[in-house]
Amino acid sequence: MSTIAAQATVVAALGGGDIFRIILAVLFALVLLKVGMSVLGGFARPVPEPPDPGELRKVRLTYRCSICATEVRMTMANDEVPEPPRHCMEDMDLVTPVDDI
């Protein structure tokens, strides 16, 4: 049996509407594969380099003085977890929850 005859047999068995559905399904699968690969590629990007030393970073840390209960919110710092500020001649206590750091 020649290849043309085999193709004709497949076309006759499937019918015109079934071929259209198969082509549509293959195109949909390719689009879905392309979108999925681009989403996964987004997760594979490397972590950005840390800023240069001395450059300020955004932080949201709250400190409390253990002596007078004064609270301070730090919004910019030169490190991700900076040294605590001093108040009443003592280091202040970090009261920000660990999950928020």
PDB file of N, CA and C in Angstrom:
ATOM      1  N   MET A   1       0.852  -1.174   0.000  1.00  0.00           N
ATOM      2  CA  MET A   1       0.000   0.000   0.000  1.00  0.00           C
ATOM      3  C   MET A   1       0.900   1.239   0.000  1.00  0.00           C
ATOM      4  N   SER A   2       0.632   2.160  -0.874  1.00  0.00           N
ATOM      5  CA  SER A   2       1.470   3.358  -0.954  1.00  0.00           C
ATOM      6  C   SER A   2       1.075   4.334   0.142  1.00  0.00           C
ATOM      7  N   THR A   3       1.938   5.324   0.342  1.00  0.00           N
ATOM      8  CA  THR A   3       1.669   6.309   1.397  1.00  0.00           C
ATOM      9  C   THR A   3       0.468   7.162   1.059  1.00  0.00           C
ATOM     10  N   ILE A   4       0.243   7.431  -0.216  1.00  0.00           N
ATOM     11  CA  ILE A   4      -0.914   8.241  -0.606  1.00  0.00           C
ATOM     12  C   ILE A   4      -2.201   7.475  -0.322  1.00  0.00           C
ATOM     13  N   ALA A   5      -2.168   6.193  -0.591  1.00  0.00           N
ATOM     14  CA  ALA A   5      -3.346   5.376  -0.323  1.00  0.00           C
ATOM     15  C   ALA A   5      -3.599   5.280   1.182  1.00  0.00           C
ATOM     16  N   ALA A   6      -2.531   5.182   1.953  1.00  0.00           N
ATOM     17  CA  ALA A   6      -2.678   5.125   3.410  1.00  0.00           C
ATOM     18  C   ALA A   6      -3.237   6.429   3.939  1.00  0.00           C
ATOM     19  N   GLN A   7      -2.776   7.539   3.418  1.00  0.00           N
ATOM     20  CA  GLN A   7      -3.297   8.836   3.840  1.00  0.00           C
ATOM     21  C   GLN A   7      -4.754   8.988   3.442  1.00  0.00           C
ATOM     22  N   ALA A   8      -5.088   8.534   2.272  1.00  0.00           N
ATOM     23  CA  ALA A   8      -6.476   8.614   1.815  1.00  0.00           C
ATOM     24  C   ALA A   8      -7.377   7.765   2.699  1.00  0.00           C
ATOM     25  N   THR A   9      -6.882   6.612   3.129  1.00  0.00           N
ATOM     26  CA  THR A   9      -7.664   5.745   4.004  1.00  0.00           C
ATOM     27  C   THR A   9      -7.891   6.427   5.354  1.00  0.00           C
ATOM     28  N   VAL A  10      -6.852   7.085   5.884  1.00  0.00           N
ATOM     29  CA  VAL A  10      -6.971   7.785   7.170  1.00  0.00           C
ATOM     30  C   VAL A  10      -7.951   8.942   7.043  1.00  0.00           C
ATOM     31  N   VAL A  11      -7.861   9.708   5.960  1.00  0.00           N
ATOM     32  CA  VAL A  11      -8.768  10.835   5.749  1.00  0.00           C
ATOM     33  C   VAL A  11     -10.204  10.345   5.619  1.00  0.00           C
ATOM     34  N   ALA A  12     -10.399   9.262   4.900  1.00  0.00           N
ATOM     35  CA  ALA A  12     -11.751   8.724   4.725  1.00  0.00           C
ATOM     36  C   ALA A  12     -12.302   8.218   6.052  1.00  0.00           C
ATOM     37  N   ALA A  13     -11.445   7.629   6.881  1.00  0.00           N
ATOM     38  CA  ALA A  13     -11.904   7.089   8.164  1.00  0.00           C
ATOM     39  C   ALA A  13     -12.233   8.206   9.150  1.00  0.00           C
ATOM     40  N   LEU A  14     -11.436   9.247   9.141  1.00  0.00           N
ATOM     41  CA  LEU A  14     -11.643  10.327  10.098  1.00  0.00           C
ATOM     42  C   LEU A  14     -12.730  11.301   9.669  1.00  0.00           C
ATOM     43  N   GLY A  15     -12.821  11.582   8.429  1.00  0.00           N
ATOM     44  CA  GLY A  15     -13.793  12.559   7.956  1.00  0.00           C
ATOM     45  C   GLY A  15     -13.204  13.957   8.045  1.00  0.00           C
ATOM     46  N   GLY A  16     -13.839  14.914   7.378  1.00  0.00           N
ATOM     47  CA  GLY A  16     -13.325  16.279   7.317  1.00  0.00           C
ATOM     48  C   GLY A  16     -13.366  16.999   8.650  1.00  0.00           C
ATOM     49  N   GLY A  17     -14.424  16.836   9.431  1.00  0.00           N
ATOM     50  CA  GLY A  17     -14.560  17.539  10.708  1.00  0.00           C
ATOM     51  C   GLY A  17     -13.593  17.044  11.761  1.00  0.00           C
ATOM     52  N   ASP A  18     -13.288  15.751  11.735  1.00  0.00           N
ATOM     53  CA  ASP A  18     -12.366  15.194  12.722  1.00  0.00           C
ATOM     54  C   ASP A  18     -10.940  15.695  12.510  1.00  0.00           C
ATOM     55  N   ILE A  19     -10.540  15.877  11.256  1.00  0.00           N
ATOM     56  CA  ILE A  19      -9.189  16.391  10.980  1.00  0.00           C
ATOM     57  C   ILE A  19      -9.061  17.804  11.520  1.00  0.00           C
ATOM     58  N   PHE A  20     -10.099  18.609  11.313  1.00  0.00           N
ATOM     59  CA  PHE A  20     -10.084  19.973  11.834  1.00  0.00           C
ATOM     60  C   PHE A  20      -9.944  19.971  13.352  1.00  0.00           C
ATOM     61  N   ARG A  21     -10.647  19.093  14.031  1.00  0.00           N
ATOM     62  CA  ARG A  21     -10.563  19.003  15.497  1.00  0.00           C
ATOM     63  C   ARG A  21      -9.175  18.569  15.952  1.00  0.00           C
ATOM     64  N   ILE A  22      -8.566  17.641  15.219  1.00  0.00           N
ATOM     65  CA  ILE A  22      -7.221  17.173  15.577  1.00  0.00           C
ATOM     66  C   ILE A  22      -6.214  18.299  15.400  1.00  0.00           C
ATOM     67  N   ILE A  23      -6.300  19.018  14.282  1.00  0.00           N
ATOM     68  CA  ILE A  23      -5.388  20.141  14.046  1.00  0.00           C
ATOM     69  C   ILE A  23      -5.583  21.210  15.114  1.00  0.00           C
ATOM     70  N   LEU A  24      -6.817  21.501  15.459  1.00  0.00           N
ATOM     71  CA  LEU A  24      -7.110  22.483  16.499  1.00  0.00           C
ATOM     72  C   LEU A  24      -6.557  22.033  17.851  1.00  0.00           C
ATOM     73  N   ALA A  25      -6.691  20.754  18.172  1.00  0.00           N
ATOM     74  CA  ALA A  25      -6.174  20.232  19.439  1.00  0.00           C
ATOM     75  C   ALA A  25      -4.656  20.302  19.477  1.00  0.00           C
ATOM     76  N   VAL A  26      -3.991  20.001  18.376  1.00  0.00           N
ATOM     77  CA  VAL A  26      -2.532  20.071  18.329  1.00  0.00           C
ATOM     78  C   VAL A  26      -2.068  21.512  18.491  1.00  0.00           C
ATOM     79  N   LEU A  27      -2.737  22.468  17.815  1.00  0.00           N
ATOM     80  CA  LEU A  27      -2.384  23.879  17.962  1.00  0.00           C
ATOM     81  C   LEU A  27      -2.604  24.365  19.391  1.00  0.00           C
ATOM     82  N   PHE A  28      -3.703  23.948  20.000  1.00  0.00           N
ATOM     83  CA  PHE A  28      -3.981  24.326  21.384  1.00  0.00           C
ATOM     84  C   PHE A  28      -2.920  23.757  22.323  1.00  0.00           C
ATOM     85  N   ALA A  29      -2.502  22.518  22.091  1.00  0.00           N
ATOM     86  CA  ALA A  29      -1.468  21.902  22.923  1.00  0.00           C
ATOM     87  C   ALA A  29      -0.146  22.638  22.779  1.00  0.00           C
ATOM     88  N   LEU A  30       0.193  23.065  21.560  1.00  0.00           N
ATOM     89  CA  LEU A  30       1.440  23.811  21.355  1.00  0.00           C
ATOM     90  C   LEU A  30       1.404  25.168  22.051  1.00  0.00           C
ATOM     91  N   VAL A  31       0.270  25.863  21.972  1.00  0.00           N
ATOM     92  CA  VAL A  31       0.137  27.153  22.655  1.00  0.00           C
ATOM     93  C   VAL A  31       0.238  26.958  24.164  1.00  0.00           C
ATOM     94  N   LEU A  32      -0.433  25.944  24.681  1.00  0.00           N
ATOM     95  CA  LEU A  32      -0.390  25.661  26.114  1.00  0.00           C
ATOM     96  C   LEU A  32       1.027  25.313  26.565  1.00  0.00           C
ATOM     97  N   LEU A  33       1.741  24.548  25.766  1.00  0.00           N
ATOM     98  CA  LEU A  33       3.128  24.199  26.071  1.00  0.00           C
ATOM     99  C   LEU A  33       4.009  25.435  26.077  1.00  0.00           C
ATOM    100  N   LYS A  34       3.828  26.330  25.105  1.00  0.00           N
ATOM    101  CA  LYS A  34       4.626  27.557  25.031  1.00  0.00           C
ATOM    102  C   LYS A  34       4.377  28.444  26.246  1.00  0.00           C
ATOM    103  N   VAL A  35       3.120  28.624  26.627  1.00  0.00           N
ATOM    104  CA  VAL A  35       2.783  29.450  27.791  1.00  0.00           C
ATOM    105  C   VAL A  35       3.343  28.818  29.063  1.00  0.00           C
ATOM    106  N   GLY A  36       3.208  27.513  29.209  1.00  0.00           N
ATOM    107  CA  GLY A  36       3.729  26.830  30.395  1.00  0.00           C
ATOM    108  C   GLY A  36       5.238  26.934  30.512  1.00  0.00           C
ATOM    109  N   MET A  37       5.931  26.810  29.387  1.00  0.00           N
ATOM    110  CA  MET A  37       7.392  26.918  29.420  1.00  0.00           C
ATOM    111  C   MET A  37       7.839  28.338  29.772  1.00  0.00           C
ATOM    112  N   SER A  38       7.112  29.345  29.295  1.00  0.00           N
ATOM    113  CA  SER A  38       7.496  30.720  29.631  1.00  0.00           C
ATOM    114  C   SER A  38       7.225  31.018  31.104  1.00  0.00           C
ATOM    115  N   VAL A  39       6.163  30.455  31.676  1.00  0.00           N
ATOM    116  CA  VAL A  39       5.894  30.640  33.110  1.00  0.00           C
ATOM    117  C   VAL A  39       6.986  29.966  33.935  1.00  0.00           C
ATOM    118  N   LEU A  40       7.339  28.745  33.578  1.00  0.00           N
ATOM    119  CA  LEU A  40       8.405  28.055  34.304  1.00  0.00           C
ATOM    120  C   LEU A  40       9.751  28.751  34.119  1.00  0.00           C
ATOM    121  N   GLY A  41       9.987  29.328  32.955  1.00  0.00           N
ATOM    122  CA  GLY A  41      11.217  30.075  32.717  1.00  0.00           C
ATOM    123  C   GLY A  41      11.313  31.302  33.605  1.00  0.00           C
ATOM    124  N   GLY A  42      10.163  31.894  33.946  1.00  0.00           N
ATOM    125  CA  GLY A  42      10.147  33.039  34.853  1.00  0.00           C
ATOM    126  C   GLY A  42      10.613  32.672  36.255  1.00  0.00           C
ATOM    127  N   PHE A  43      10.331  31.452  36.683  1.00  0.00           N
ATOM    128  CA  PHE A  43      10.772  31.003  38.001  1.00  0.00           C
ATOM    129  C   PHE A  43      12.259  30.680  38.022  1.00  0.00           C
ATOM    130  N   ALA A  44      12.837  30.417  36.876  1.00  0.00           N
ATOM    131  CA  ALA A  44      14.233  29.993  36.805  1.00  0.00           C
ATOM    132  C   ALA A  44      15.202  31.171  36.738  1.00  0.00           C
ATOM    133  N   ARG A  45      14.713  32.386  36.743  1.00  0.00           N
ATOM    134  CA  ARG A  45      15.612  33.540  36.682  1.00  0.00           C
ATOM    135  C   ARG A  45      16.409  33.631  37.973  1.00  0.00           C
ATOM    136  N   PRO A  46      17.671  34.030  37.881  1.00  0.00           N
ATOM    137  CA  PRO A  46      18.492  34.123  39.093  1.00  0.00           C
ATOM    138  C   PRO A  46      18.050  35.286  39.983  1.00  0.00           C
ATOM    139  N   VAL A  47      18.385  35.185  41.243  1.00  0.00           N
ATOM    140  CA  VAL A  47      18.079  36.229  42.210  1.00  0.00           C
ATOM    141  C   VAL A  47      18.915  37.454  41.853  1.00  0.00           C
ATOM    142  N   PRO A  48      18.327  38.651  41.866  1.00  0.00           N
ATOM    143  CA  PRO A  48      19.112  39.826  41.513  1.00  0.00           C
ATOM    144  C   PRO A  48      20.253  40.058  42.501  1.00  0.00           C
ATOM    145  N   GLU A  49      21.319  40.674  42.011  1.00  0.00           N
ATOM    146  CA  GLU A  49      22.481  40.937  42.861  1.00  0.00           C
ATOM    147  C   GLU A  49      22.108  41.939  43.943  1.00  0.00           C
ATOM    148  N   PRO A  50      22.724  41.817  45.120  1.00  0.00           N
ATOM    149  CA  PRO A  50      22.427  42.784  46.180  1.00  0.00           C
ATOM    150  C   PRO A  50      22.943  44.164  45.795  1.00  0.00           C
ATOM    151  N   PRO A  51      22.325  45.209  46.329  1.00  0.00           N
ATOM    152  CA  PRO A  51      22.787  46.556  46.000  1.00  0.00           C
ATOM    153  C   PRO A  51      24.209  46.801  46.492  1.00  0.00           C
ATOM    154  N   ASP A  52      24.827  47.810  45.941  1.00  0.00           N
ATOM    155  CA  ASP A  52      26.190  48.164  46.340  1.00  0.00           C
ATOM    156  C   ASP A  52      26.236  48.524  47.819  1.00  0.00           C
ATOM    157  N   PRO A  53      27.397  48.306  48.469  1.00  0.00           N
ATOM    158  CA  PRO A  53      27.532  48.702  49.872  1.00  0.00           C
ATOM    159  C   PRO A  53      27.280  50.201  50.026  1.00  0.00           C
ATOM    160  N   GLY A  54      26.554  50.548  51.046  1.00  0.00           N
ATOM    161  CA  GLY A  54      26.236  51.943  51.300  1.00  0.00           C
ATOM    162  C   GLY A  54      24.930  52.393  50.672  1.00  0.00           C
ATOM    163  N   GLU A  55      24.391  51.631  49.725  1.00  0.00           N
ATOM    164  CA  GLU A  55      23.120  51.983  49.108  1.00  0.00           C
ATOM    165  C   GLU A  55      21.988  51.537  50.032  1.00  0.00           C
ATOM    166  N   LEU A  56      20.998  52.388  50.188  1.00  0.00           N
ATOM    167  CA  LEU A  56      19.910  52.082  51.124  1.00  0.00           C
ATOM    168  C   LEU A  56      18.925  51.094  50.524  1.00  0.00           C
ATOM    169  N   ARG A  57      18.401  50.228  51.404  1.00  0.00           N
ATOM    170  CA  ARG A  57      17.392  49.236  51.032  1.00  0.00           C
ATOM    171  C   ARG A  57      16.094  49.569  51.765  1.00  0.00           C
ATOM    172  N   LYS A  58      14.980  49.152  51.164  1.00  0.00           N
ATOM    173  CA  LYS A  58      13.702  49.339  51.855  1.00  0.00           C
ATOM    174  C   LYS A  58      13.543  48.228  52.886  1.00  0.00           C
ATOM    175  N   VAL A  59      13.254  48.601  54.112  1.00  0.00           N
ATOM    176  CA  VAL A  59      12.979  47.650  55.186  1.00  0.00           C
ATOM    177  C   VAL A  59      11.748  48.148  55.929  1.00  0.00           C
ATOM    178  N   ARG A  60      11.170  47.287  56.721  1.00  0.00           N
ATOM    179  CA  ARG A  60      10.043  47.684  57.571  1.00  0.00           C
ATOM    180  C   ARG A  60      10.225  46.989  58.913  1.00  0.00           C
ATOM    181  N   LEU A  61      11.014  47.613  59.757  1.00  0.00           N
ATOM    182  CA  LEU A  61      11.346  47.044  61.054  1.00  0.00           C
ATOM    183  C   LEU A  61      10.855  47.974  62.158  1.00  0.00           C
ATOM    184  N   THR A  62      10.355  47.388  63.218  1.00  0.00           N
ATOM    185  CA  THR A  62       9.907  48.160  64.373  1.00  0.00           C
ATOM    186  C   THR A  62      10.741  47.765  65.577  1.00  0.00           C
ATOM    187  N   TYR A  63      11.261  48.772  66.271  1.00  0.00           N
ATOM    188  CA  TYR A  63      12.075  48.560  67.470  1.00  0.00           C
ATOM    189  C   TYR A  63      11.386  49.221  68.653  1.00  0.00           C
ATOM    190  N   ARG A  64      11.604  48.634  69.854  1.00  0.00           N
ATOM    191  CA  ARG A  64      11.042  49.192  71.091  1.00  0.00           C
ATOM    192  C   ARG A  64      12.141  49.279  72.139  1.00  0.00           C
ATOM    193  N   CYS A  65      12.159  50.415  72.831  1.00  0.00           N
ATOM    194  CA  CYS A  65      13.114  50.601  73.928  1.00  0.00           C
ATOM    195  C   CYS A  65      12.614  49.821  75.134  1.00  0.00           C
ATOM    196  N   SER A  66      13.482  49.006  75.709  1.00  0.00           N
ATOM    197  CA  SER A  66      13.074  48.186  76.861  1.00  0.00           C
ATOM    198  C   SER A  66      12.967  48.998  78.145  1.00  0.00           C
ATOM    199  N   ILE A  67      13.486  50.207  78.150  1.00  0.00           N
ATOM    200  CA  ILE A  67      13.445  51.025  79.367  1.00  0.00           C
ATOM    201  C   ILE A  67      12.220  51.935  79.382  1.00  0.00           C
ATOM    202  N   CYS A  68      11.993  52.690  78.296  1.00  0.00           N
ATOM    203  CA  CYS A  68      10.898  53.669  78.300  1.00  0.00           C
ATOM    204  C   CYS A  68       9.759  53.316  77.345  1.00  0.00           C
ATOM    205  N   ALA A  69       9.857  52.228  76.619  1.00  0.00           N
ATOM    206  CA  ALA A  69       8.826  51.723  75.710  1.00  0.00           C
ATOM    207  C   ALA A  69       8.604  52.595  74.478  1.00  0.00           C
ATOM    208  N   THR A  70       9.582  53.410  74.127  1.00  0.00           N
ATOM    209  CA  THR A  70       9.497  54.192  72.896  1.00  0.00           C
ATOM    210  C   THR A  70       9.649  53.253  71.699  1.00  0.00           C
ATOM    211  N   GLU A  71       8.797  53.440  70.685  1.00  0.00           N
ATOM    212  CA  GLU A  71       8.876  52.607  69.490  1.00  0.00           C
ATOM    213  C   GLU A  71       9.362  53.428  68.307  1.00  0.00           C
ATOM    214  N   VAL A  72      10.163  52.780  67.464  1.00  0.00           N
ATOM    215  CA  VAL A  72      10.717  53.415  66.271  1.00  0.00           C
ATOM    216  C   VAL A  72      10.492  52.477  65.099  1.00  0.00           C
ATOM    217  N   ARG A  73      10.011  53.014  63.973  1.00  0.00           N
ATOM    218  CA  ARG A  73       9.875  52.215  62.745  1.00  0.00           C
ATOM    219  C   ARG A  73      10.970  52.655  61.787  1.00  0.00           C
ATOM    220  N   MET A  74      11.753  51.681  61.329  1.00  0.00           N
ATOM    221  CA  MET A  74      12.825  51.934  60.380  1.00  0.00           C
ATOM    222  C   MET A  74      12.318  51.535  59.002  1.00  0.00           C
ATOM    223  N   THR A  75      12.422  52.454  58.028  1.00  0.00           N
ATOM    224  CA  THR A  75      11.929  52.194  56.681  1.00  0.00           C
ATOM    225  C   THR A  75      13.046  52.056  55.653  1.00  0.00           C
ATOM    226  N   MET A  76      14.205  52.617  55.902  1.00  0.00           N
ATOM    227  CA  MET A  76      15.353  52.511  55.003  1.00  0.00           C
ATOM    228  C   MET A  76      16.579  52.174  55.834  1.00  0.00           C
ATOM    229  N   ALA A  77      17.405  51.266  55.312  1.00  0.00           N
ATOM    230  CA  ALA A  77      18.617  50.877  56.031  1.00  0.00           C
ATOM    231  C   ALA A  77      19.676  50.475  55.014  1.00  0.00           C
ATOM    232  N   ASN A  78      20.918  50.425  55.452  1.00  0.00           N
ATOM    233  CA  ASN A  78      22.003  50.044  54.551  1.00  0.00           C
ATOM    234  C   ASN A  78      22.228  48.538  54.535  1.00  0.00           C
ATOM    235  N   ASP A  79      21.436  47.790  55.296  1.00  0.00           N
ATOM    236  CA  ASP A  79      21.536  46.338  55.346  1.00  0.00           C
ATOM    237  C   ASP A  79      20.128  45.779  55.518  1.00  0.00           C
ATOM    238  N   GLU A  80      19.924  44.495  55.174  1.00  0.00           N
ATOM    239  CA  GLU A  80      18.591  43.903  55.306  1.00  0.00           C
ATOM    240  C   GLU A  80      18.167  43.806  56.765  1.00  0.00           C
ATOM    241  N   VAL A  81      19.097  43.444  57.638  1.00  0.00           N
ATOM    242  CA  VAL A  81      18.818  43.408  59.070  1.00  0.00           C
ATOM    243  C   VAL A  81      19.890  44.267  59.748  1.00  0.00           C
ATOM    244  N   PRO A  82      19.644  45.575  59.873  1.00  0.00           N
ATOM    245  CA  PRO A  82      20.657  46.467  60.435  1.00  0.00           C
ATOM    246  C   PRO A  82      20.785  46.315  61.943  1.00  0.00           C
ATOM    247  N   GLU A  83      21.848  46.887  62.472  1.00  0.00           N
ATOM    248  CA  GLU A  83      22.012  46.893  63.927  1.00  0.00           C
ATOM    249  C   GLU A  83      20.900  47.737  64.544  1.00  0.00           C
ATOM    250  N   PRO A  84      20.430  47.357  65.730  1.00  0.00           N
ATOM    251  CA  PRO A  84      19.327  48.114  66.339  1.00  0.00           C
ATOM    252  C   PRO A  84      19.789  49.506  66.779  1.00  0.00           C
ATOM    253  N   PRO A  85      18.877  50.476  66.681  1.00  0.00           N
ATOM    254  CA  PRO A  85      19.228  51.818  67.159  1.00  0.00           C
ATOM    255  C   PRO A  85      19.336  51.828  68.682  1.00  0.00           C
ATOM    256  N   ARG A  86      19.958  52.862  69.199  1.00  0.00           N
ATOM    257  CA  ARG A  86      20.129  52.992  70.655  1.00  0.00           C
ATOM    258  C   ARG A  86      19.178  54.062  71.175  1.00  0.00           C
ATOM    259  N   HIS A  87      18.605  53.790  72.352  1.00  0.00           N
ATOM    260  CA  HIS A  87      17.737  54.748  73.028  1.00  0.00           C
ATOM    261  C   HIS A  87      17.905  54.523  74.514  1.00  0.00           C
ATOM    262  N   CYS A  88      17.938  55.556  75.300  1.00  0.00           N
ATOM    263  CA  CYS A  88      18.179  55.464  76.749  1.00  0.00           C
ATOM    264  C   CYS A  88      19.504  54.745  77.013  1.00  0.00           C
ATOM    265  N   MET A  89      20.475  54.950  76.127  1.00  0.00           N
ATOM    266  CA  MET A  89      21.816  54.387  76.243  1.00  0.00           C
ATOM    267  C   MET A  89      21.844  52.861  76.122  1.00  0.00           C
ATOM    268  N   GLU A  90      20.778  52.257  75.608  1.00  0.00           N
ATOM    269  CA  GLU A  90      20.703  50.799  75.418  1.00  0.00           C
ATOM    270  C   GLU A  90      20.227  50.497  74.003  1.00  0.00           C
ATOM    271  N   ASP A  91      20.587  49.318  73.501  1.00  0.00           N
ATOM    272  CA  ASP A  91      20.072  48.889  72.196  1.00  0.00           C
ATOM    273  C   ASP A  91      18.585  48.611  72.319  1.00  0.00           C
ATOM    274  N   MET A  92      17.840  48.998  71.294  1.00  0.00           N
ATOM    275  CA  MET A  92      16.399  48.762  71.284  1.00  0.00           C
ATOM    276  C   MET A  92      16.131  47.311  70.872  1.00  0.00           C
ATOM    277  N   ASP A  93      14.969  46.774  71.265  1.00  0.00           N
ATOM    278  CA  ASP A  93      14.577  45.400  70.956  1.00  0.00           C
ATOM    279  C   ASP A  93      13.758  45.380  69.669  1.00  0.00           C
ATOM    280  N   LEU A  94      14.049  44.416  68.809  1.00  0.00           N
ATOM    281  CA  LEU A  94      13.288  44.243  67.570  1.00  0.00           C
ATOM    282  C   LEU A  94      11.943  43.607  67.909  1.00  0.00           C
ATOM    283  N   VAL A  95      10.836  44.276  67.525  1.00  0.00           N
ATOM    284  CA  VAL A  95       9.507  43.734  67.820  1.00  0.00           C
ATOM    285  C   VAL A  95       8.764  43.344  66.544  1.00  0.00           C
ATOM    286  N   THR A  96       9.369  43.516  65.388  1.00  0.00           N
ATOM    287  CA  THR A  96       8.762  43.089  64.136  1.00  0.00           C
ATOM    288  C   THR A  96       8.696  41.571  64.118  1.00  0.00           C
ATOM    289  N   PRO A  97       7.560  40.974  63.745  1.00  0.00           N
ATOM    290  CA  PRO A  97       7.488  39.510  63.660  1.00  0.00           C
ATOM    291  C   PRO A  97       8.542  38.962  62.689  1.00  0.00           C
ATOM    292  N   VAL A  98       9.049  37.794  62.976  1.00  0.00           N
ATOM    293  CA  VAL A  98      10.114  37.181  62.168  1.00  0.00           C
ATOM    294  C   VAL A  98       9.637  36.944  60.734  1.00  0.00           C
ATOM    295  N   ASP A  99       8.348  36.670  60.544  1.00  0.00           N
ATOM    296  CA  ASP A  99       7.811  36.426  59.201  1.00  0.00           C
ATOM    297  C   ASP A  99       7.886  37.663  58.306  1.00  0.00           C
ATOM    298  N   ASP A 100       7.890  38.863  58.897  1.00  0.00           N
ATOM    299  CA  ASP A 100       7.893  40.108  58.128  1.00  0.00           C
ATOM    300  C   ASP A 100       9.298  40.576  57.749  1.00  0.00           C
ATOM    301  N   ILE A 101      10.327  39.940  58.257  1.00  0.00           N
ATOM    302  CA  ILE A 101      11.708  40.379  57.972  1.00  0.00           C
ATOM    303  C   ILE A 101      12.127  39.866  56.626  1.00  0.00           C
TER     304      ILE A 101
END
